[in-house]
Amino acid sequence: MGTISRGGQMKNYNKLLSSFMELKSIHLEEMTTIPKDWYFLEGDREEIMSWNEDEAEKIWIKMDKRIQKHNASGINYELCPFCYFNNYNHEITVSKRHNPSCMKCGYGQRHGICTEIYQSEEDQSQFQRILRTLKLEGFNVYKTLSNGYYKSLAEKLEDEYISGKKAAAKD
């Protein structure tokens, strides 16, 4: 049992976080006209997989707490592993001021900085385009990505990546 522990190449929490983001992108694409690559790219997966597994586990615990206890829904920093990884602080995010966490965020480098709001469509981050598209298509982001959706997704991913590991750890 010990051979597939923390020191190994399993990185189950990293896989869970990566799948969380990818499955959200697929859900958005299936429900709307939003291409999944606006939300998730192979580079996003590569970055998540490069993280230390202990850090990935801490990130998942924080996200899962937001889902289970705080009824998180929609698309926002509470449900973004990159925000947790970069220690994003929403309280210091203000218009026309760059949040230091966003400036170093790999996701922001690939997709555009999420908190940047521009007037022209061409300059918008993919995150802002997603929010704009949902609004234009008449979707409520908090219903399209409801807390129920997240609870179901969390349960599915934990069953796939974590439950067997937890059971093995108890033996």
N, C-alpha and C. Protein backbone atom coordinates (compact mmCIF):
# COMPACT_ATOMS: atom_id res chain seq x y z
N MET A 1 0.82 -1.21 0.00
CA MET A 1 0.00 0.00 0.00
C MET A 1 0.85 1.26 0.00
N GLY A 2 1.98 1.24 0.71
CA GLY A 2 2.81 2.42 0.84
C GLY A 2 3.47 2.86 -0.46
N THR A 3 3.52 2.00 -1.47
CA THR A 3 4.19 2.36 -2.71
C THR A 3 3.44 3.41 -3.52
N ILE A 4 2.16 3.55 -3.29
CA ILE A 4 1.42 4.58 -4.01
C ILE A 4 1.03 5.72 -3.08
N SER A 5 1.99 6.10 -2.27
CA SER A 5 1.76 7.17 -1.31
C SER A 5 2.20 8.50 -1.89
N ARG A 6 2.30 9.50 -1.03
CA ARG A 6 2.67 10.86 -1.41
C ARG A 6 3.91 10.93 -2.30
N GLY A 7 4.92 10.14 -1.97
CA GLY A 7 6.17 10.23 -2.71
C GLY A 7 6.07 9.69 -4.13
N GLY A 8 5.03 8.94 -4.42
CA GLY A 8 4.88 8.32 -5.73
C GLY A 8 4.38 9.28 -6.80
N GLN A 9 4.15 8.73 -7.96
CA GLN A 9 3.74 9.54 -9.10
C GLN A 9 2.21 9.63 -9.23
N MET A 10 1.49 9.22 -8.22
CA MET A 10 0.03 9.16 -8.33
C MET A 10 -0.60 10.54 -8.47
N LYS A 11 -0.26 11.45 -7.58
CA LYS A 11 -0.79 12.83 -7.63
C LYS A 11 -2.31 12.85 -7.81
N ASN A 12 -3.00 12.08 -6.99
CA ASN A 12 -4.45 11.98 -7.12
C ASN A 12 -5.16 13.31 -6.93
N TYR A 13 -4.70 14.14 -6.01
CA TYR A 13 -5.35 15.43 -5.80
C TYR A 13 -5.11 16.36 -6.99
N ASN A 14 -3.95 16.25 -7.60
CA ASN A 14 -3.67 17.04 -8.79
C ASN A 14 -4.60 16.60 -9.93
N LYS A 15 -4.77 15.29 -10.07
CA LYS A 15 -5.67 14.76 -11.10
C LYS A 15 -7.10 15.20 -10.83
N LEU A 16 -7.50 15.18 -9.56
CA LEU A 16 -8.84 15.60 -9.19
C LEU A 16 -9.06 17.07 -9.57
N LEU A 17 -8.12 17.94 -9.22
CA LEU A 17 -8.25 19.37 -9.54
C LEU A 17 -8.29 19.59 -11.05
N SER A 18 -7.44 18.89 -11.76
CA SER A 18 -7.41 19.01 -13.22
C SER A 18 -8.74 18.56 -13.83
N SER A 19 -9.24 17.43 -13.37
CA SER A 19 -10.52 16.92 -13.87
C SER A 19 -11.67 17.85 -13.50
N PHE A 20 -11.61 18.44 -12.31
CA PHE A 20 -12.62 19.41 -11.88
C PHE A 20 -12.73 20.54 -12.90
N MET A 21 -11.60 21.09 -13.28
CA MET A 21 -11.59 22.19 -14.24
C MET A 21 -12.03 21.71 -15.64
N GLU A 22 -11.52 20.58 -16.06
CA GLU A 22 -11.85 20.08 -17.39
C GLU A 22 -13.34 19.73 -17.51
N LEU A 23 -13.88 19.06 -16.51
CA LEU A 23 -15.30 18.69 -16.57
C LEU A 23 -16.21 19.92 -16.53
N LYS A 24 -15.78 20.96 -15.82
CA LYS A 24 -16.53 22.22 -15.85
C LYS A 24 -16.52 22.81 -17.25
N SER A 25 -15.38 22.75 -17.92
CA SER A 25 -15.29 23.30 -19.28
C SER A 25 -16.18 22.52 -20.25
N ILE A 26 -16.24 21.22 -20.08
CA ILE A 26 -17.10 20.38 -20.93
C ILE A 26 -18.57 20.69 -20.64
N HIS A 27 -18.92 20.85 -19.37
CA HIS A 27 -20.29 21.20 -18.98
C HIS A 27 -20.71 22.53 -19.62
N LEU A 28 -19.83 23.51 -19.55
CA LEU A 28 -20.14 24.82 -20.16
C LEU A 28 -20.35 24.68 -21.67
N GLU A 29 -19.48 23.89 -22.31
CA GLU A 29 -19.59 23.71 -23.76
C GLU A 29 -20.89 22.99 -24.13
N GLU A 30 -21.29 22.01 -23.32
CA GLU A 30 -22.52 21.27 -23.60
C GLU A 30 -23.77 22.11 -23.37
N MET A 31 -23.72 23.01 -22.39
CA MET A 31 -24.89 23.81 -22.03
C MET A 31 -25.04 25.09 -22.85
N THR A 32 -23.93 25.58 -23.41
CA THR A 32 -23.91 26.90 -24.05
C THR A 32 -23.12 26.84 -25.35
N THR A 33 -22.83 28.00 -25.93
CA THR A 33 -21.97 28.06 -27.12
C THR A 33 -20.51 28.32 -26.73
N ILE A 34 -20.19 28.23 -25.45
CA ILE A 34 -18.83 28.52 -24.97
C ILE A 34 -17.90 27.36 -25.29
N PRO A 35 -16.84 27.62 -26.09
CA PRO A 35 -15.89 26.54 -26.37
C PRO A 35 -15.14 26.15 -25.08
N LYS A 36 -14.92 24.85 -24.90
CA LYS A 36 -14.30 24.41 -23.64
C LYS A 36 -12.91 24.98 -23.45
N ASP A 37 -12.20 25.30 -24.54
CA ASP A 37 -10.85 25.83 -24.38
C ASP A 37 -10.83 27.29 -23.89
N TRP A 38 -11.97 27.92 -23.81
CA TRP A 38 -12.02 29.23 -23.15
C TRP A 38 -11.79 29.06 -21.65
N TYR A 39 -12.15 27.89 -21.14
CA TYR A 39 -12.05 27.66 -19.70
C TYR A 39 -10.89 26.75 -19.30
N PHE A 40 -10.54 25.81 -20.14
CA PHE A 40 -9.52 24.83 -19.75
C PHE A 40 -8.68 24.41 -20.95
N LEU A 41 -7.36 24.50 -20.78
CA LEU A 41 -6.40 24.12 -21.81
C LEU A 41 -5.47 23.03 -21.29
N GLU A 42 -4.79 22.37 -22.19
CA GLU A 42 -3.81 21.36 -21.78
C GLU A 42 -2.74 21.98 -20.87
N GLY A 43 -2.38 23.23 -21.12
CA GLY A 43 -1.41 23.92 -20.28
C GLY A 43 -1.89 24.08 -18.84
N ASP A 44 -3.20 24.20 -18.67
CA ASP A 44 -3.76 24.27 -17.32
C ASP A 44 -3.55 22.94 -16.59
N ARG A 45 -3.81 21.85 -17.31
CA ARG A 45 -3.60 20.52 -16.73
C ARG A 45 -2.12 20.33 -16.38
N GLU A 46 -1.25 20.70 -17.30
CA GLU A 46 0.19 20.54 -17.06
C GLU A 46 0.63 21.31 -15.82
N GLU A 47 0.12 22.54 -15.66
CA GLU A 47 0.50 23.31 -14.49
C GLU A 47 0.00 22.65 -13.21
N ILE A 48 -1.26 22.25 -13.18
CA ILE A 48 -1.82 21.60 -11.99
C ILE A 48 -1.03 20.33 -11.65
N MET A 49 -0.68 19.57 -12.66
CA MET A 49 0.07 18.33 -12.42
C MET A 49 1.49 18.60 -11.93
N SER A 50 2.00 19.80 -12.15
CA SER A 50 3.35 20.13 -11.69
C SER A 50 3.38 20.53 -10.21
N TRP A 51 2.22 20.80 -9.63
CA TRP A 51 2.16 21.22 -8.23
C TRP A 51 2.49 20.06 -7.30
N ASN A 52 3.02 20.39 -6.16
CA ASN A 52 3.26 19.44 -5.09
C ASN A 52 1.90 18.85 -4.67
N GLU A 53 1.85 17.54 -4.48
CA GLU A 53 0.56 16.92 -4.15
C GLU A 53 -0.01 17.39 -2.82
N ASP A 54 0.86 17.66 -1.85
CA ASP A 54 0.37 18.17 -0.57
C ASP A 54 -0.35 19.51 -0.76
N GLU A 55 0.20 20.35 -1.61
CA GLU A 55 -0.43 21.65 -1.92
C GLU A 55 -1.76 21.42 -2.64
N ALA A 56 -1.78 20.49 -3.59
CA ALA A 56 -3.01 20.18 -4.31
C ALA A 56 -4.09 19.67 -3.35
N GLU A 57 -3.69 18.85 -2.38
CA GLU A 57 -4.65 18.36 -1.39
C GLU A 57 -5.22 19.51 -0.57
N LYS A 58 -4.37 20.42 -0.11
CA LYS A 58 -4.84 21.57 0.66
C LYS A 58 -5.81 22.42 -0.16
N ILE A 59 -5.50 22.60 -1.43
CA ILE A 59 -6.37 23.38 -2.32
C ILE A 59 -7.73 22.69 -2.44
N TRP A 60 -7.72 21.37 -2.67
CA TRP A 60 -8.99 20.66 -2.80
C TRP A 60 -9.82 20.75 -1.52
N ILE A 61 -9.19 20.62 -0.38
CA ILE A 61 -9.92 20.70 0.90
C ILE A 61 -10.60 22.06 1.03
N LYS A 62 -9.91 23.12 0.66
CA LYS A 62 -10.51 24.47 0.71
C LYS A 62 -11.67 24.60 -0.26
N MET A 63 -11.47 24.10 -1.49
CA MET A 63 -12.54 24.19 -2.48
C MET A 63 -13.75 23.36 -2.07
N ASP A 64 -13.49 22.15 -1.58
CA ASP A 64 -14.58 21.27 -1.18
C ASP A 64 -15.36 21.87 -0.01
N LYS A 65 -14.67 22.53 0.89
CA LYS A 65 -15.35 23.20 2.01
C LYS A 65 -16.28 24.29 1.47
N ARG A 66 -15.82 25.03 0.48
CA ARG A 66 -16.67 26.06 -0.14
C ARG A 66 -17.91 25.44 -0.77
N ILE A 67 -17.73 24.29 -1.37
CA ILE A 67 -18.86 23.60 -2.02
C ILE A 67 -19.81 23.04 -0.97
N GLN A 68 -19.28 22.29 -0.02
CA GLN A 68 -20.12 21.57 0.93
C GLN A 68 -20.72 22.45 2.01
N LYS A 69 -19.95 23.38 2.55
CA LYS A 69 -20.41 24.15 3.71
C LYS A 69 -20.88 25.56 3.38
N HIS A 70 -20.36 26.13 2.29
CA HIS A 70 -20.70 27.51 1.95
C HIS A 70 -21.57 27.61 0.69
N ASN A 71 -21.98 26.47 0.16
CA ASN A 71 -22.87 26.41 -1.00
C ASN A 71 -22.37 27.22 -2.20
N ALA A 72 -21.07 27.17 -2.46
CA ALA A 72 -20.48 27.89 -3.58
C ALA A 72 -21.10 27.44 -4.90
N SER A 73 -21.25 28.40 -5.80
CA SER A 73 -21.76 28.12 -7.13
C SER A 73 -21.20 29.16 -8.09
N GLY A 74 -21.47 28.97 -9.39
CA GLY A 74 -21.00 29.92 -10.39
C GLY A 74 -19.55 29.67 -10.78
N ILE A 75 -18.92 30.71 -11.31
CA ILE A 75 -17.51 30.67 -11.67
C ILE A 75 -16.86 31.81 -10.91
N ASN A 76 -16.00 31.48 -9.97
CA ASN A 76 -15.34 32.52 -9.20
C ASN A 76 -14.13 31.97 -8.47
N TYR A 77 -13.44 32.84 -7.77
CA TYR A 77 -12.20 32.48 -7.09
C TYR A 77 -12.38 31.39 -6.04
N GLU A 78 -13.57 31.24 -5.47
CA GLU A 78 -13.79 30.21 -4.46
C GLU A 78 -13.72 28.80 -5.05
N LEU A 79 -13.87 28.72 -6.36
CA LEU A 79 -13.92 27.43 -7.04
C LEU A 79 -12.80 27.29 -8.07
N CYS A 80 -11.72 28.03 -7.86
CA CYS A 80 -10.61 28.03 -8.81
C CYS A 80 -9.31 27.57 -8.13
N PRO A 81 -8.77 26.43 -8.53
CA PRO A 81 -7.54 25.97 -7.91
C PRO A 81 -6.36 26.93 -8.13
N PHE A 82 -6.37 27.65 -9.24
CA PHE A 82 -5.28 28.58 -9.52
C PHE A 82 -5.31 29.77 -8.56
N CYS A 83 -6.50 30.22 -8.19
CA CYS A 83 -6.62 31.31 -7.22
C CYS A 83 -6.05 30.89 -5.87
N TYR A 84 -6.36 29.67 -5.44
CA TYR A 84 -5.82 29.17 -4.18
C TYR A 84 -4.31 29.00 -4.26
N PHE A 85 -3.84 28.44 -5.37
CA PHE A 85 -2.41 28.20 -5.53
C PHE A 85 -1.62 29.51 -5.45
N ASN A 86 -2.19 30.57 -6.00
CA ASN A 86 -1.50 31.87 -6.04
C ASN A 86 -1.89 32.79 -4.89
N ASN A 87 -2.58 32.23 -3.89
CA ASN A 87 -2.99 33.01 -2.69
C ASN A 87 -3.77 34.27 -3.05
N TYR A 88 -4.73 34.11 -3.95
CA TYR A 88 -5.56 35.23 -4.37
C TYR A 88 -6.36 35.78 -3.18
N ASN A 89 -6.34 37.09 -3.03
CA ASN A 89 -7.12 37.77 -1.99
C ASN A 89 -8.11 38.70 -2.68
N HIS A 90 -9.38 38.31 -2.65
CA HIS A 90 -10.41 39.08 -3.35
C HIS A 90 -10.58 40.48 -2.78
N GLU A 91 -10.30 40.65 -1.51
CA GLU A 91 -10.51 41.95 -0.86
C GLU A 91 -9.61 43.05 -1.42
N ILE A 92 -8.47 42.68 -1.99
CA ILE A 92 -7.59 43.71 -2.55
C ILE A 92 -7.78 43.89 -4.05
N THR A 93 -8.76 43.19 -4.63
CA THR A 93 -9.03 43.33 -6.04
C THR A 93 -9.97 44.51 -6.26
N VAL A 94 -9.46 45.50 -6.94
CA VAL A 94 -10.27 46.68 -7.25
C VAL A 94 -10.07 47.03 -8.72
N SER A 95 -11.01 47.75 -9.27
CA SER A 95 -10.96 48.15 -10.67
C SER A 95 -9.69 48.96 -10.95
N LYS A 96 -9.09 48.68 -12.09
CA LYS A 96 -7.91 49.40 -12.58
C LYS A 96 -6.67 49.22 -11.71
N ARG A 97 -6.64 48.18 -10.89
CA ARG A 97 -5.44 47.88 -10.09
C ARG A 97 -5.16 46.39 -10.22
N HIS A 98 -3.96 46.05 -10.58
CA HIS A 98 -3.61 44.64 -10.77
C HIS A 98 -3.42 43.95 -9.43
N ASN A 99 -4.13 42.85 -9.24
CA ASN A 99 -3.95 42.02 -8.05
C ASN A 99 -2.64 41.26 -8.24
N PRO A 100 -1.73 41.32 -7.26
CA PRO A 100 -0.43 40.64 -7.41
C PRO A 100 -0.57 39.13 -7.70
N SER A 101 -1.56 38.49 -7.12
CA SER A 101 -1.76 37.05 -7.36
C SER A 101 -2.11 36.80 -8.82
N CYS A 102 -2.91 37.68 -9.39
CA CYS A 102 -3.32 37.52 -10.78
C CYS A 102 -2.15 37.72 -11.74
N MET A 103 -1.25 38.60 -11.36
CA MET A 103 -0.11 38.90 -12.23
C MET A 103 0.85 37.72 -12.36
N LYS A 104 0.91 36.87 -11.32
CA LYS A 104 1.81 35.71 -11.38
C LYS A 104 1.08 34.42 -11.75
N CYS A 105 -0.22 34.48 -11.96
CA CYS A 105 -1.05 33.30 -12.21
C CYS A 105 -0.84 32.74 -13.63
N GLY A 106 -0.47 31.47 -13.69
CA GLY A 106 -0.30 30.81 -14.99
C GLY A 106 -1.60 30.74 -15.77
N TYR A 107 -2.71 30.51 -15.09
CA TYR A 107 -4.01 30.49 -15.75
C TYR A 107 -4.28 31.84 -16.40
N GLY A 108 -4.00 32.91 -15.67
CA GLY A 108 -4.19 34.26 -16.20
C GLY A 108 -3.29 34.54 -17.39
N GLN A 109 -2.09 33.98 -17.39
CA GLN A 109 -1.18 34.16 -18.52
C GLN A 109 -1.70 33.43 -19.76
N ARG A 110 -2.36 32.30 -19.55
CA ARG A 110 -2.88 31.53 -20.68
C ARG A 110 -4.24 32.04 -21.17
N HIS A 111 -5.08 32.50 -20.27
CA HIS A 111 -6.47 32.85 -20.62
C HIS A 111 -6.75 34.35 -20.54
N GLY A 112 -5.82 35.12 -20.02
CA GLY A 112 -6.07 36.52 -19.73
C GLY A 112 -6.46 36.64 -18.26
N ILE A 113 -6.15 37.77 -17.66
CA ILE A 113 -6.41 37.95 -16.23
C ILE A 113 -7.92 38.06 -15.99
N CYS A 114 -8.42 37.17 -15.16
CA CYS A 114 -9.87 37.04 -14.92
C CYS A 114 -10.51 38.33 -14.43
N THR A 115 -9.80 39.05 -13.56
CA THR A 115 -10.39 40.24 -12.93
C THR A 115 -10.31 41.49 -13.80
N GLU A 116 -9.63 41.41 -14.94
CA GLU A 116 -9.50 42.56 -15.83
C GLU A 116 -10.79 42.73 -16.63
N ILE A 117 -11.37 43.90 -16.52
CA ILE A 117 -12.60 44.19 -17.26
C ILE A 117 -12.29 45.28 -18.28
N TYR A 118 -12.38 44.92 -19.56
CA TYR A 118 -12.08 45.85 -20.64
C TYR A 118 -13.37 46.20 -21.38
N GLN A 119 -13.35 47.32 -22.04
CA GLN A 119 -14.51 47.74 -22.83
C GLN A 119 -14.61 46.93 -24.12
N SER A 120 -13.48 46.69 -24.79
CA SER A 120 -13.54 46.01 -26.08
C SER A 120 -13.54 44.50 -25.90
N GLU A 121 -14.34 43.84 -26.71
CA GLU A 121 -14.44 42.38 -26.65
C GLU A 121 -13.11 41.69 -26.95
N GLU A 122 -12.35 42.25 -27.88
CA GLU A 122 -11.09 41.62 -28.29
C GLU A 122 -10.09 41.55 -27.15
N ASP A 123 -10.14 42.52 -26.23
CA ASP A 123 -9.18 42.58 -25.14
C ASP A 123 -9.63 41.82 -23.89
N GLN A 124 -10.84 41.29 -23.90
CA GLN A 124 -11.36 40.61 -22.71
C GLN A 124 -10.64 39.28 -22.46
N SER A 125 -10.49 38.95 -21.19
CA SER A 125 -9.98 37.62 -20.84
C SER A 125 -11.04 36.59 -21.22
N GLN A 126 -10.64 35.36 -21.35
CA GLN A 126 -11.61 34.31 -21.66
C GLN A 126 -12.63 34.17 -20.54
N PHE A 127 -12.22 34.40 -19.29
CA PHE A 127 -13.14 34.37 -18.16
C PHE A 127 -14.25 35.41 -18.35
N GLN A 128 -13.88 36.62 -18.70
CA GLN A 128 -14.88 37.67 -18.92
C GLN A 128 -15.76 37.35 -20.13
N ARG A 129 -15.18 36.73 -21.16
CA ARG A 129 -15.98 36.32 -22.33
C ARG A 129 -17.00 35.26 -21.94
N ILE A 130 -16.60 34.35 -21.05
CA ILE A 130 -17.53 33.33 -20.58
C ILE A 130 -18.70 33.99 -19.86
N LEU A 131 -18.40 34.89 -18.94
CA LEU A 131 -19.48 35.58 -18.20
C LEU A 131 -20.38 36.36 -19.16
N ARG A 132 -19.78 37.03 -20.13
CA ARG A 132 -20.55 37.82 -21.10
C ARG A 132 -21.43 36.91 -21.96
N THR A 133 -20.88 35.80 -22.43
CA THR A 133 -21.63 34.86 -23.26
C THR A 133 -22.79 34.26 -22.49
N LEU A 134 -22.55 33.87 -21.24
CA LEU A 134 -23.64 33.34 -20.41
C LEU A 134 -24.77 34.35 -20.30
N LYS A 135 -24.42 35.60 -20.07
CA LYS A 135 -25.43 36.66 -19.93
C LYS A 135 -26.18 36.86 -21.25
N LEU A 136 -25.45 36.93 -22.36
CA LEU A 136 -26.06 37.13 -23.68
C LEU A 136 -26.99 35.97 -24.06
N GLU A 137 -26.62 34.77 -23.64
CA GLU A 137 -27.42 33.59 -23.98
C GLU A 137 -28.53 33.34 -22.96
N GLY A 138 -28.63 34.22 -21.97
CA GLY A 138 -29.72 34.12 -21.00
C GLY A 138 -29.51 33.09 -19.91
N PHE A 139 -28.27 32.71 -19.67
CA PHE A 139 -27.97 31.74 -18.61
C PHE A 139 -27.61 32.47 -17.33
N ASN A 140 -28.07 31.93 -16.22
CA ASN A 140 -27.65 32.41 -14.91
C ASN A 140 -26.48 31.53 -14.49
N VAL A 141 -25.30 32.13 -14.33
CA VAL A 141 -24.09 31.36 -14.03
C VAL A 141 -24.24 30.56 -12.73
N TYR A 142 -25.04 31.07 -11.80
CA TYR A 142 -25.21 30.39 -10.51
C TYR A 142 -26.18 29.20 -10.62
N LYS A 143 -26.95 29.16 -11.69
CA LYS A 143 -27.81 28.00 -11.95
C LYS A 143 -27.15 27.02 -12.91
N THR A 144 -26.45 27.57 -13.91
CA THR A 144 -25.74 26.72 -14.86
C THR A 144 -24.66 25.92 -14.15
N LEU A 145 -23.97 26.57 -13.23
CA LEU A 145 -22.96 25.91 -12.39
C LEU A 145 -23.42 26.04 -10.94
N SER A 146 -24.49 25.32 -10.64
CA SER A 146 -25.15 25.41 -9.33
C SER A 146 -24.35 24.67 -8.25
N ASN A 147 -24.70 24.92 -7.01
CA ASN A 147 -24.06 24.20 -5.92
C ASN A 147 -24.35 22.70 -6.05
N GLY A 148 -25.55 22.35 -6.48
CA GLY A 148 -25.88 20.94 -6.69
C GLY A 148 -24.97 20.30 -7.73
N TYR A 149 -24.69 21.04 -8.81
CA TYR A 149 -23.76 20.54 -9.83
C TYR A 149 -22.39 20.29 -9.20
N TYR A 150 -21.91 21.26 -8.41
CA TYR A 150 -20.59 21.13 -7.80
C TYR A 150 -20.54 20.00 -6.77
N LYS A 151 -21.60 19.83 -5.99
CA LYS A 151 -21.62 18.73 -5.01
C LYS A 151 -21.55 17.39 -5.72
N SER A 152 -22.30 17.25 -6.80
CA SER A 152 -22.29 16.01 -7.57
C SER A 152 -20.91 15.78 -8.20
N LEU A 153 -20.32 16.83 -8.75
CA LEU A 153 -19.01 16.73 -9.36
C LEU A 153 -17.95 16.37 -8.32
N ALA A 154 -17.99 17.01 -7.16
CA ALA A 154 -17.03 16.73 -6.09
C ALA A 154 -17.13 15.27 -5.64
N GLU A 155 -18.34 14.80 -5.48
CA GLU A 155 -18.54 13.40 -5.05
C GLU A 155 -17.98 12.43 -6.09
N LYS A 156 -18.28 12.70 -7.35
CA LYS A 156 -17.79 11.85 -8.43
C LYS A 156 -16.26 11.82 -8.46
N LEU A 157 -15.64 12.99 -8.36
CA LEU A 157 -14.18 13.07 -8.44
C LEU A 157 -13.51 12.47 -7.22
N GLU A 158 -14.09 12.69 -6.05
CA GLU A 158 -13.52 12.07 -4.85
C GLU A 158 -13.62 10.56 -4.92
N ASP A 159 -14.75 10.05 -5.42
CA ASP A 159 -14.89 8.59 -5.59
C ASP A 159 -13.82 8.06 -6.54
N GLU A 160 -13.57 8.81 -7.61
CA GLU A 160 -12.62 8.35 -8.62
C GLU A 160 -11.16 8.46 -8.16
N TYR A 161 -10.81 9.54 -7.49
CA TYR A 161 -9.39 9.80 -7.21
C TYR A 161 -8.97 9.65 -5.76
N ILE A 162 -9.90 9.79 -4.81
CA ILE A 162 -9.51 9.87 -3.41
C ILE A 162 -10.01 8.72 -2.56
N SER A 163 -11.23 8.28 -2.76
CA SER A 163 -11.86 7.31 -1.84
C SER A 163 -11.02 6.04 -1.66
N GLY A 164 -10.52 5.48 -2.72
CA GLY A 164 -9.68 4.29 -2.62
C GLY A 164 -8.43 4.56 -1.83
N LYS A 165 -7.88 5.74 -2.00
CA LYS A 165 -6.67 6.15 -1.29
C LYS A 165 -6.96 6.28 0.21
N LYS A 166 -8.12 6.87 0.54
CA LYS A 166 -8.49 7.04 1.96
C LYS A 166 -8.72 5.67 2.61
N ALA A 167 -9.37 4.78 1.88
CA ALA A 167 -9.63 3.43 2.41
C ALA A 167 -8.32 2.69 2.63
N ALA A 168 -7.38 2.83 1.71
CA ALA A 168 -6.08 2.15 1.83
C ALA A 168 -5.29 2.72 3.01
N ALA A 169 -5.44 4.03 3.25
CA ALA A 169 -4.72 4.68 4.36
C ALA A 169 -5.24 4.19 5.71
N LYS A 170 -6.51 3.83 5.78
CA LYS A 170 -7.12 3.37 7.04
C LYS A 170 -6.68 1.96 7.40
N ASP A 171 -6.29 1.16 6.40
CA ASP A 171 -5.88 -0.24 6.65
C ASP A 171 -4.61 -0.33 7.46
